[in-house]
Amino acid sequence: MRTFLCIPIDEALRVKLADLSSRLQRLVHVRASWVRPENFHLTVRFLGEIDPMFTLDLQRCFRAVVERIPPFVAPINKVGAFPSARRPRVVWAGGKAVAPFVKLVSLVEEELAGLGFPRERKPSISHVTLARIKGRVDGSVEEAICSLEGIPSWNLQAKQLVLMESRLTSRGAVYSPLFSVPMRG
């Protein structure tokens, strides 16, 4: 099954991000797959395909991680793109990766490496994916990102870590939580 590790977001922030995503959709003139608001989350690590029995090992590992991470607040105050606004493949809303988030990602990486997962090479960026760009890109994505640089600063309350299964369907991805572990610190 296809999985990823994330921090869920509350309904109030989901509504704000949905509004931001709608504004972006009106400004962007390229083919894109827009994430449905019910699927918004703060990405921690994409794991890919795993054996369902492996979830028990992952739950044990991530319980050990959250024992060392207290709940924290992650700012959502800018719009960006991976790998860049000029060559976007993913459009996101996020902010500076605060120290607890960086520590969380580092501890997750250590645990996953111990289980045989390859380490991520890119630095962690605290973000919520809004869209995946398909095909050719014009300047509208970069213009839209620049026009929304001054979004209000919102707070994401990080209280738990969730392992999600992602099933791809003809109507988009369907996410189902496999387990969640509360941050305790």
N, C-alpha and C. Protein backbone atom coordinates (compact mmCIF):
# COMPACT_ATOMS: atom_id res chain seq x y z
N MET A 1 0.83 -1.18 0.00
CA MET A 1 0.00 0.00 0.00
C MET A 1 0.88 1.25 0.00
N ARG A 2 0.36 2.32 -0.61
CA ARG A 2 1.09 3.58 -0.77
C ARG A 2 0.83 4.46 0.46
N THR A 3 1.90 4.95 1.11
CA THR A 3 1.74 5.64 2.38
C THR A 3 2.58 6.91 2.48
N PHE A 4 2.18 7.76 3.42
CA PHE A 4 2.98 8.94 3.77
C PHE A 4 2.70 9.30 5.21
N LEU A 5 3.62 10.05 5.79
CA LEU A 5 3.54 10.49 7.17
C LEU A 5 3.21 11.98 7.17
N CYS A 6 2.24 12.39 8.01
CA CYS A 6 1.82 13.79 7.98
C CYS A 6 1.34 14.26 9.35
N ILE A 7 1.11 15.57 9.41
CA ILE A 7 0.48 16.20 10.56
C ILE A 7 -0.86 16.74 10.05
N PRO A 8 -1.98 16.31 10.62
CA PRO A 8 -3.28 16.81 10.15
C PRO A 8 -3.47 18.27 10.52
N ILE A 9 -4.39 18.93 9.80
CA ILE A 9 -4.67 20.33 10.11
C ILE A 9 -6.12 20.46 10.59
N ASP A 10 -6.38 21.51 11.35
CA ASP A 10 -7.73 21.70 11.88
C ASP A 10 -8.65 22.32 10.83
N GLU A 11 -9.94 22.29 11.11
CA GLU A 11 -10.95 22.74 10.14
C GLU A 11 -10.82 24.23 9.82
N ALA A 12 -10.53 25.05 10.80
CA ALA A 12 -10.41 26.49 10.56
C ALA A 12 -9.29 26.80 9.56
N LEU A 13 -8.15 26.15 9.71
CA LEU A 13 -7.05 26.35 8.78
C LEU A 13 -7.39 25.73 7.42
N ARG A 14 -8.08 24.62 7.42
CA ARG A 14 -8.49 23.97 6.16
C ARG A 14 -9.33 24.93 5.31
N VAL A 15 -10.25 25.66 5.95
CA VAL A 15 -11.11 26.61 5.25
C VAL A 15 -10.26 27.74 4.65
N LYS A 16 -9.31 28.26 5.41
CA LYS A 16 -8.44 29.34 4.93
C LYS A 16 -7.60 28.87 3.75
N LEU A 17 -7.06 27.67 3.84
CA LEU A 17 -6.24 27.13 2.75
C LEU A 17 -7.09 26.83 1.51
N ALA A 18 -8.33 26.40 1.72
CA ALA A 18 -9.23 26.15 0.59
C ALA A 18 -9.50 27.45 -0.16
N ASP A 19 -9.69 28.55 0.58
CA ASP A 19 -9.90 29.85 -0.04
C ASP A 19 -8.66 30.28 -0.82
N LEU A 20 -7.49 30.10 -0.22
CA LEU A 20 -6.23 30.42 -0.90
C LEU A 20 -6.08 29.59 -2.17
N SER A 21 -6.38 28.31 -2.09
CA SER A 21 -6.28 27.43 -3.25
C SER A 21 -7.23 27.88 -4.36
N SER A 22 -8.44 28.28 -3.99
CA SER A 22 -9.40 28.77 -4.99
C SER A 22 -8.88 30.02 -5.68
N ARG A 23 -8.28 30.93 -4.91
CA ARG A 23 -7.70 32.14 -5.50
C ARG A 23 -6.59 31.78 -6.48
N LEU A 24 -5.75 30.83 -6.09
CA LEU A 24 -4.67 30.39 -6.98
C LEU A 24 -5.21 29.77 -8.26
N GLN A 25 -6.24 28.96 -8.13
CA GLN A 25 -6.82 28.29 -9.30
C GLN A 25 -7.30 29.30 -10.34
N ARG A 26 -7.81 30.44 -9.88
CA ARG A 26 -8.27 31.46 -10.81
C ARG A 26 -7.11 32.16 -11.51
N LEU A 27 -5.93 32.14 -10.88
CA LEU A 27 -4.77 32.86 -11.44
C LEU A 27 -3.86 31.99 -12.30
N VAL A 28 -3.90 30.68 -12.09
CA VAL A 28 -3.00 29.76 -12.78
C VAL A 28 -3.69 29.22 -14.03
N HIS A 29 -2.97 29.30 -15.16
CA HIS A 29 -3.55 28.91 -16.45
C HIS A 29 -2.84 27.71 -17.07
N VAL A 30 -2.47 26.75 -16.24
CA VAL A 30 -1.83 25.53 -16.72
C VAL A 30 -2.62 24.35 -16.16
N ARG A 31 -2.41 23.19 -16.76
CA ARG A 31 -3.05 21.97 -16.23
C ARG A 31 -2.47 21.64 -14.88
N ALA A 32 -3.36 21.41 -13.94
CA ALA A 32 -2.90 21.09 -12.58
C ALA A 32 -3.91 20.17 -11.91
N SER A 33 -3.41 19.37 -11.00
CA SER A 33 -4.25 18.54 -10.16
C SER A 33 -4.30 19.24 -8.80
N TRP A 34 -5.46 19.80 -8.47
CA TRP A 34 -5.62 20.55 -7.22
C TRP A 34 -6.03 19.60 -6.10
N VAL A 35 -5.36 19.72 -4.97
CA VAL A 35 -5.64 18.88 -3.81
C VAL A 35 -6.98 19.31 -3.22
N ARG A 36 -7.83 18.33 -2.96
CA ARG A 36 -9.12 18.63 -2.33
C ARG A 36 -8.87 19.05 -0.88
N PRO A 37 -9.62 20.04 -0.39
CA PRO A 37 -9.39 20.53 0.98
C PRO A 37 -9.39 19.44 2.05
N GLU A 38 -10.20 18.42 1.90
CA GLU A 38 -10.22 17.36 2.92
C GLU A 38 -8.90 16.57 2.94
N ASN A 39 -8.08 16.74 1.91
CA ASN A 39 -6.78 16.05 1.86
C ASN A 39 -5.61 16.92 2.27
N PHE A 40 -5.85 18.18 2.65
CA PHE A 40 -4.75 19.04 3.10
C PHE A 40 -4.10 18.46 4.36
N HIS A 41 -2.78 18.52 4.42
CA HIS A 41 -2.02 18.07 5.58
C HIS A 41 -0.62 18.66 5.50
N LEU A 42 0.07 18.70 6.61
CA LEU A 42 1.47 19.12 6.63
C LEU A 42 2.31 17.88 6.38
N THR A 43 3.02 17.87 5.29
CA THR A 43 3.80 16.70 4.89
C THR A 43 5.03 16.54 5.80
N VAL A 44 5.24 15.33 6.26
CA VAL A 44 6.47 15.02 7.02
C VAL A 44 7.38 14.14 6.15
N ARG A 45 6.82 13.05 5.58
CA ARG A 45 7.66 12.16 4.76
C ARG A 45 6.78 11.24 3.92
N PHE A 46 7.04 11.20 2.62
CA PHE A 46 6.38 10.23 1.75
C PHE A 46 7.15 8.93 1.86
N LEU A 47 6.46 7.83 2.14
CA LEU A 47 7.12 6.54 2.31
C LEU A 47 7.01 5.67 1.07
N GLY A 48 5.96 5.87 0.29
CA GLY A 48 5.75 5.05 -0.90
C GLY A 48 5.08 3.74 -0.54
N GLU A 49 5.34 2.73 -1.36
CA GLU A 49 4.72 1.41 -1.18
C GLU A 49 5.36 0.67 -0.01
N ILE A 50 4.51 0.18 0.89
CA ILE A 50 5.00 -0.64 2.01
C ILE A 50 4.08 -1.85 2.16
N ASP A 51 4.60 -2.88 2.79
CA ASP A 51 3.81 -4.06 3.14
C ASP A 51 2.89 -3.66 4.29
N PRO A 52 1.59 -3.99 4.24
CA PRO A 52 0.67 -3.64 5.33
C PRO A 52 1.14 -4.10 6.71
N MET A 53 1.83 -5.23 6.78
CA MET A 53 2.31 -5.73 8.07
C MET A 53 3.40 -4.82 8.67
N PHE A 54 4.01 -4.02 7.83
CA PHE A 54 5.10 -3.14 8.26
C PHE A 54 4.58 -1.97 9.11
N THR A 55 3.27 -1.73 9.07
CA THR A 55 2.73 -0.60 9.83
C THR A 55 2.96 -0.77 11.33
N LEU A 56 3.02 -1.98 11.82
CA LEU A 56 3.28 -2.20 13.25
C LEU A 56 4.67 -1.71 13.63
N ASP A 57 5.67 -2.00 12.80
CA ASP A 57 7.03 -1.51 13.05
C ASP A 57 7.07 0.01 12.98
N LEU A 58 6.36 0.58 12.00
CA LEU A 58 6.35 2.04 11.86
C LEU A 58 5.67 2.69 13.07
N GLN A 59 4.60 2.11 13.53
CA GLN A 59 3.91 2.68 14.69
C GLN A 59 4.82 2.68 15.91
N ARG A 60 5.53 1.59 16.12
CA ARG A 60 6.47 1.52 17.26
C ARG A 60 7.54 2.59 17.13
N CYS A 61 8.11 2.74 15.94
CA CYS A 61 9.17 3.75 15.72
C CYS A 61 8.65 5.17 15.93
N PHE A 62 7.48 5.47 15.38
CA PHE A 62 6.98 6.84 15.46
C PHE A 62 6.49 7.18 16.86
N ARG A 63 6.09 6.17 17.62
CA ARG A 63 5.76 6.42 19.04
C ARG A 63 7.01 6.89 19.78
N ALA A 64 8.14 6.27 19.47
CA ALA A 64 9.40 6.69 20.10
C ALA A 64 9.76 8.11 19.70
N VAL A 65 9.48 8.47 18.46
CA VAL A 65 9.79 9.83 17.98
C VAL A 65 8.95 10.86 18.71
N VAL A 66 7.63 10.66 18.77
CA VAL A 66 6.76 11.69 19.36
C VAL A 66 6.95 11.84 20.87
N GLU A 67 7.56 10.86 21.50
CA GLU A 67 7.89 11.00 22.93
C GLU A 67 8.92 12.11 23.13
N ARG A 68 9.64 12.44 22.06
CA ARG A 68 10.71 13.46 22.15
C ARG A 68 10.30 14.80 21.52
N ILE A 69 9.05 14.89 21.01
CA ILE A 69 8.59 16.11 20.34
C ILE A 69 7.31 16.60 21.03
N PRO A 70 7.35 17.80 21.61
CA PRO A 70 6.10 18.34 22.19
C PRO A 70 5.23 18.92 21.06
N PRO A 71 3.93 19.11 21.31
CA PRO A 71 3.11 19.80 20.33
C PRO A 71 3.74 21.16 20.01
N PHE A 72 3.58 21.62 18.78
CA PHE A 72 4.18 22.89 18.38
C PHE A 72 3.30 23.60 17.37
N VAL A 73 3.66 24.83 17.07
CA VAL A 73 2.94 25.64 16.09
C VAL A 73 3.85 25.85 14.88
N ALA A 74 3.31 25.56 13.70
CA ALA A 74 4.04 25.79 12.45
C ALA A 74 3.37 26.93 11.69
N PRO A 75 4.12 27.96 11.29
CA PRO A 75 3.50 29.07 10.57
C PRO A 75 3.20 28.70 9.12
N ILE A 76 2.08 29.20 8.64
CA ILE A 76 1.71 29.11 7.23
C ILE A 76 1.57 30.56 6.79
N ASN A 77 2.58 31.09 6.09
CA ASN A 77 2.56 32.51 5.75
C ASN A 77 3.11 32.84 4.36
N LYS A 78 3.29 31.83 3.54
CA LYS A 78 3.75 32.12 2.19
C LYS A 78 3.33 31.00 1.23
N VAL A 79 3.37 31.33 -0.05
CA VAL A 79 3.07 30.37 -1.11
C VAL A 79 4.37 30.16 -1.88
N GLY A 80 4.65 28.92 -2.26
CA GLY A 80 5.86 28.62 -3.01
C GLY A 80 5.64 27.44 -3.94
N ALA A 81 6.73 27.01 -4.56
CA ALA A 81 6.65 25.88 -5.49
C ALA A 81 7.94 25.08 -5.44
N PHE A 82 7.81 23.79 -5.70
CA PHE A 82 8.98 22.90 -5.86
C PHE A 82 9.12 22.57 -7.33
N PRO A 83 10.27 22.49 -7.93
CA PRO A 83 11.54 22.88 -7.32
C PRO A 83 11.71 24.39 -7.23
N SER A 84 10.96 25.18 -8.05
CA SER A 84 11.02 26.64 -7.96
C SER A 84 9.77 27.21 -8.61
N ALA A 85 9.52 28.50 -8.40
CA ALA A 85 8.35 29.15 -9.00
C ALA A 85 8.49 29.22 -10.53
N ARG A 86 9.71 29.25 -11.02
CA ARG A 86 9.92 29.30 -12.48
C ARG A 86 9.65 27.95 -13.14
N ARG A 87 9.96 26.87 -12.41
CA ARG A 87 9.76 25.51 -12.94
C ARG A 87 8.92 24.69 -11.96
N PRO A 88 7.69 25.12 -11.72
CA PRO A 88 6.89 24.47 -10.66
C PRO A 88 6.39 23.08 -11.05
N ARG A 89 6.45 22.18 -10.12
CA ARG A 89 5.82 20.87 -10.23
C ARG A 89 4.80 20.70 -9.11
N VAL A 90 5.08 21.34 -7.97
CA VAL A 90 4.17 21.32 -6.82
C VAL A 90 4.03 22.76 -6.31
N VAL A 91 2.79 23.18 -6.09
CA VAL A 91 2.52 24.49 -5.48
C VAL A 91 2.07 24.23 -4.05
N TRP A 92 2.61 25.01 -3.11
CA TRP A 92 2.35 24.77 -1.70
C TRP A 92 2.14 26.06 -0.92
N ALA A 93 1.57 25.92 0.27
CA ALA A 93 1.50 26.99 1.27
C ALA A 93 2.29 26.49 2.46
N GLY A 94 3.09 27.37 3.04
CA GLY A 94 3.89 26.93 4.17
C GLY A 94 4.59 28.08 4.84
N GLY A 95 5.68 27.76 5.48
CA GLY A 95 6.44 28.78 6.19
C GLY A 95 7.78 28.22 6.63
N LYS A 96 8.48 29.03 7.38
CA LYS A 96 9.80 28.62 7.88
C LYS A 96 9.63 27.36 8.72
N ALA A 97 10.48 26.41 8.48
CA ALA A 97 10.45 25.17 9.27
C ALA A 97 10.96 25.48 10.67
N VAL A 98 10.06 25.48 11.64
CA VAL A 98 10.44 25.78 13.02
C VAL A 98 11.25 24.62 13.60
N ALA A 99 12.02 24.91 14.65
CA ALA A 99 12.94 23.92 15.23
C ALA A 99 12.26 22.59 15.57
N PRO A 100 11.07 22.57 16.19
CA PRO A 100 10.46 21.27 16.50
C PRO A 100 10.13 20.45 15.24
N PHE A 101 9.73 21.14 14.16
CA PHE A 101 9.45 20.43 12.91
C PHE A 101 10.73 19.83 12.34
N VAL A 102 11.80 20.62 12.34
CA VAL A 102 13.09 20.13 11.83
C VAL A 102 13.55 18.93 12.65
N LYS A 103 13.40 19.01 13.98
CA LYS A 103 13.78 17.89 14.85
C LYS A 103 12.91 16.67 14.56
N LEU A 104 11.61 16.88 14.38
CA LEU A 104 10.69 15.78 14.06
C LEU A 104 11.13 15.07 12.79
N VAL A 105 11.38 15.83 11.75
CA VAL A 105 11.79 15.24 10.47
C VAL A 105 13.11 14.48 10.63
N SER A 106 14.04 15.06 11.37
CA SER A 106 15.34 14.42 11.59
C SER A 106 15.18 13.08 12.33
N LEU A 107 14.35 13.07 13.38
CA LEU A 107 14.13 11.83 14.14
C LEU A 107 13.40 10.79 13.30
N VAL A 108 12.44 11.23 12.49
CA VAL A 108 11.73 10.31 11.59
C VAL A 108 12.73 9.70 10.61
N GLU A 109 13.60 10.53 10.05
CA GLU A 109 14.61 10.04 9.10
C GLU A 109 15.52 8.99 9.76
N GLU A 110 15.94 9.25 10.98
CA GLU A 110 16.79 8.29 11.71
C GLU A 110 16.09 6.95 11.88
N GLU A 111 14.84 7.00 12.32
CA GLU A 111 14.07 5.77 12.53
C GLU A 111 13.86 5.02 11.22
N LEU A 112 13.50 5.77 10.16
CA LEU A 112 13.27 5.12 8.87
C LEU A 112 14.55 4.51 8.30
N ALA A 113 15.68 5.19 8.49
CA ALA A 113 16.96 4.64 8.02
C ALA A 113 17.26 3.31 8.73
N GLY A 114 16.92 3.26 10.03
CA GLY A 114 17.10 2.03 10.79
C GLY A 114 16.23 0.88 10.28
N LEU A 115 15.15 1.23 9.58
CA LEU A 115 14.25 0.22 9.02
C LEU A 115 14.56 -0.07 7.55
N GLY A 116 15.62 0.58 7.04
CA GLY A 116 16.02 0.30 5.66
C GLY A 116 15.52 1.29 4.62
N PHE A 117 14.86 2.36 5.02
CA PHE A 117 14.42 3.37 4.05
C PHE A 117 15.60 4.26 3.66
N PRO A 118 15.71 4.64 2.39
CA PRO A 118 16.76 5.59 2.02
C PRO A 118 16.47 6.96 2.62
N ARG A 119 17.53 7.69 2.96
CA ARG A 119 17.36 9.03 3.54
C ARG A 119 16.92 10.01 2.46
N GLU A 120 16.09 10.98 2.86
CA GLU A 120 15.69 12.06 1.96
C GLU A 120 16.91 12.95 1.73
N ARG A 121 17.09 13.38 0.52
CA ARG A 121 18.24 14.24 0.21
C ARG A 121 17.90 15.73 0.30
N LYS A 122 16.63 16.06 0.14
CA LYS A 122 16.27 17.47 0.15
C LYS A 122 16.01 17.95 1.57
N PRO A 123 16.23 19.24 1.83
CA PRO A 123 15.97 19.76 3.18
C PRO A 123 14.46 19.78 3.45
N SER A 124 14.10 19.66 4.69
CA SER A 124 12.68 19.67 5.04
C SER A 124 12.13 21.09 4.93
N ILE A 125 10.97 21.20 4.30
CA ILE A 125 10.26 22.46 4.21
C ILE A 125 8.87 22.21 4.76
N SER A 126 8.45 23.05 5.67
CA SER A 126 7.14 22.93 6.29
C SER A 126 6.10 23.41 5.28
N HIS A 127 5.31 22.47 4.71
CA HIS A 127 4.38 22.87 3.65
C HIS A 127 3.13 21.98 3.56
N VAL A 128 2.10 22.59 3.00
CA VAL A 128 0.85 21.90 2.67
C VAL A 128 0.74 21.96 1.16
N THR A 129 0.68 20.82 0.49
CA THR A 129 0.57 20.80 -0.98
C THR A 129 -0.82 21.26 -1.38
N LEU A 130 -0.84 22.22 -2.34
CA LEU A 130 -2.10 22.73 -2.87
C LEU A 130 -2.39 22.17 -4.26
N ALA A 131 -1.32 21.98 -5.07
CA ALA A 131 -1.53 21.51 -6.45
C ALA A 131 -0.28 20.83 -6.97
N ARG A 132 -0.49 19.93 -7.92
CA ARG A 132 0.60 19.31 -8.68
C ARG A 132 0.41 19.74 -10.13
N ILE A 133 1.42 20.37 -10.68
CA ILE A 133 1.35 20.91 -12.04
C ILE A 133 1.58 19.79 -13.04
N LYS A 134 0.75 19.76 -14.08
CA LYS A 134 0.83 18.73 -15.12
C LYS A 134 1.25 19.38 -16.44
N GLY A 135 2.18 18.76 -17.12
CA GLY A 135 2.54 19.22 -18.46
C GLY A 135 3.27 20.54 -18.51
N ARG A 136 3.04 21.28 -19.61
CA ARG A 136 3.75 22.53 -19.89
C ARG A 136 3.41 23.62 -18.87
N VAL A 137 4.39 24.47 -18.61
CA VAL A 137 4.23 25.54 -17.63
C VAL A 137 4.38 26.88 -18.34
N ASP A 138 3.51 27.83 -17.99
CA ASP A 138 3.69 29.19 -18.47
C ASP A 138 4.03 30.08 -17.27
N GLY A 139 4.09 31.35 -17.46
CA GLY A 139 4.47 32.26 -16.38
C GLY A 139 3.37 32.51 -15.36
N SER A 140 2.17 31.96 -15.59
CA SER A 140 1.05 32.27 -14.68
C SER A 140 1.27 31.72 -13.28
N VAL A 141 1.97 30.61 -13.15
CA VAL A 141 2.20 30.04 -11.81
C VAL A 141 3.12 30.96 -11.02
N GLU A 142 4.21 31.37 -11.63
CA GLU A 142 5.14 32.27 -10.95
C GLU A 142 4.46 33.59 -10.60
N GLU A 143 3.68 34.14 -11.53
CA GLU A 143 2.96 35.39 -11.28
C GLU A 143 1.97 35.23 -10.12
N ALA A 144 1.25 34.11 -10.10
CA ALA A 144 0.28 33.86 -9.03
C ALA A 144 0.98 33.77 -7.68
N ILE A 145 2.10 33.06 -7.64
CA ILE A 145 2.85 32.91 -6.39
C ILE A 145 3.33 34.28 -5.91
N CYS A 146 3.87 35.07 -6.83
CA CYS A 146 4.35 36.41 -6.46
C CYS A 146 3.21 37.30 -5.96
N SER A 147 2.05 37.19 -6.60
CA SER A 147 0.92 38.05 -6.21
C SER A 147 0.36 37.67 -4.84
N LEU A 148 0.61 36.45 -4.40
CA LEU A 148 0.08 36.00 -3.10
C LEU A 148 1.16 35.92 -2.03
N GLU A 149 2.30 36.58 -2.27
CA GLU A 149 3.40 36.51 -1.30
C GLU A 149 2.99 37.01 0.08
N GLY A 150 2.12 37.99 0.13
CA GLY A 150 1.76 38.59 1.41
C GLY A 150 0.51 37.99 2.04
N ILE A 151 0.38 36.67 2.02
CA ILE A 151 -0.81 36.07 2.64
C ILE A 151 -0.73 36.27 4.15
N PRO A 152 -1.89 36.28 4.83
CA PRO A 152 -1.86 36.42 6.30
C PRO A 152 -1.07 35.27 6.91
N SER A 153 -0.60 35.48 8.11
CA SER A 153 0.12 34.42 8.81
C SER A 153 -0.88 33.60 9.61
N TRP A 154 -0.94 32.32 9.30
CA TRP A 154 -1.82 31.40 10.00
C TRP A 154 -0.97 30.42 10.79
N ASN A 155 -1.57 29.81 11.80
CA ASN A 155 -0.85 28.85 12.64
C ASN A 155 -1.43 27.46 12.48
N LEU A 156 -0.55 26.52 12.23
CA LEU A 156 -0.94 25.12 12.19
C LEU A 156 -0.55 24.51 13.53
N GLN A 157 -1.52 23.98 14.24
CA GLN A 157 -1.28 23.35 15.54
C GLN A 157 -0.87 21.90 15.31
N ALA A 158 0.38 21.61 15.51
CA ALA A 158 0.90 20.24 15.31
C ALA A 158 0.78 19.49 16.64
N LYS A 159 -0.13 18.51 16.67
CA LYS A 159 -0.40 17.77 17.91
C LYS A 159 -0.22 16.28 17.76
N GLN A 160 -0.23 15.79 16.51
CA GLN A 160 -0.12 14.35 16.31
C GLN A 160 0.52 14.06 14.95
N LEU A 161 1.04 12.87 14.86
CA LEU A 161 1.66 12.35 13.65
C LEU A 161 0.76 11.23 13.14
N VAL A 162 0.46 11.24 11.84
CA VAL A 162 -0.46 10.27 11.26
C VAL A 162 0.19 9.57 10.08
N LEU A 163 0.07 8.24 10.04
CA LEU A 163 0.47 7.49 8.86
C LEU A 163 -0.79 7.31 8.02
N MET A 164 -0.72 7.81 6.78
CA MET A 164 -1.87 7.75 5.87
C MET A 164 -1.61 6.78 4.73
N GLU A 165 -2.67 6.10 4.34
CA GLU A 165 -2.64 5.33 3.10
C GLU A 165 -3.22 6.23 2.03
N SER A 166 -2.61 6.23 0.85
CA SER A 166 -3.09 7.01 -0.28
C SER A 166 -3.47 6.06 -1.40
N ARG A 167 -4.78 5.98 -1.66
CA ARG A 167 -5.25 5.14 -2.78
C ARG A 167 -5.57 6.06 -3.94
N LEU A 168 -4.94 5.81 -5.09
CA LEU A 168 -5.18 6.62 -6.27
C LEU A 168 -6.39 6.09 -7.01
N THR A 169 -7.35 6.97 -7.28
CA THR A 169 -8.55 6.60 -8.01
C THR A 169 -8.71 7.54 -9.21
N SER A 170 -9.67 7.26 -10.06
CA SER A 170 -9.91 8.11 -11.22
C SER A 170 -10.42 9.49 -10.79
N ARG A 171 -10.92 9.61 -9.58
CA ARG A 171 -11.41 10.90 -9.08
C ARG A 171 -10.43 11.55 -8.11
N GLY A 172 -9.18 11.10 -8.09
CA GLY A 172 -8.18 11.68 -7.21
C GLY A 172 -7.79 10.74 -6.10
N ALA A 173 -6.86 11.19 -5.29
CA ALA A 173 -6.36 10.38 -4.18
C ALA A 173 -7.38 10.34 -3.04
N VAL A 174 -7.49 9.17 -2.43
CA VAL A 174 -8.33 8.99 -1.25
C VAL A 174 -7.40 8.61 -0.11
N TYR A 175 -7.42 9.40 0.96
CA TYR A 175 -6.54 9.17 2.09
C TYR A 175 -7.30 8.50 3.23
N SER A 176 -6.66 7.53 3.85
CA SER A 176 -7.23 6.84 5.02
C SER A 176 -6.16 6.75 6.09
N PRO A 177 -6.44 7.21 7.31
CA PRO A 177 -5.45 7.10 8.38
C PRO A 177 -5.27 5.64 8.80
N LEU A 178 -4.01 5.23 8.92
CA LEU A 178 -3.70 3.87 9.37
C LEU A 178 -3.47 3.87 10.89
N PHE A 179 -2.81 4.91 11.39
CA PHE A 179 -2.68 5.12 12.83
C PHE A 179 -2.23 6.56 13.07
N SER A 180 -2.46 7.02 14.30
CA SER A 180 -1.94 8.33 14.70
C SER A 180 -1.32 8.20 16.08
N VAL A 181 -0.30 9.01 16.31
CA VAL A 181 0.37 9.01 17.60
C VAL A 181 0.47 10.48 18.07
N PRO A 182 -0.01 10.75 19.29
CA PRO A 182 0.04 12.13 19.79
C PRO A 182 1.45 12.54 20.18
N MET A 183 1.79 13.79 19.92
CA MET A 183 3.09 14.33 20.35
C MET A 183 3.04 14.58 21.83
N ARG A 184 4.09 14.14 22.52
CA ARG A 184 4.10 14.24 23.97
C ARG A 184 5.24 15.11 24.50
N GLY A 185 6.40 15.00 23.85
CA GLY A 185 7.55 15.79 24.29
C GLY A 185 7.97 15.43 25.64
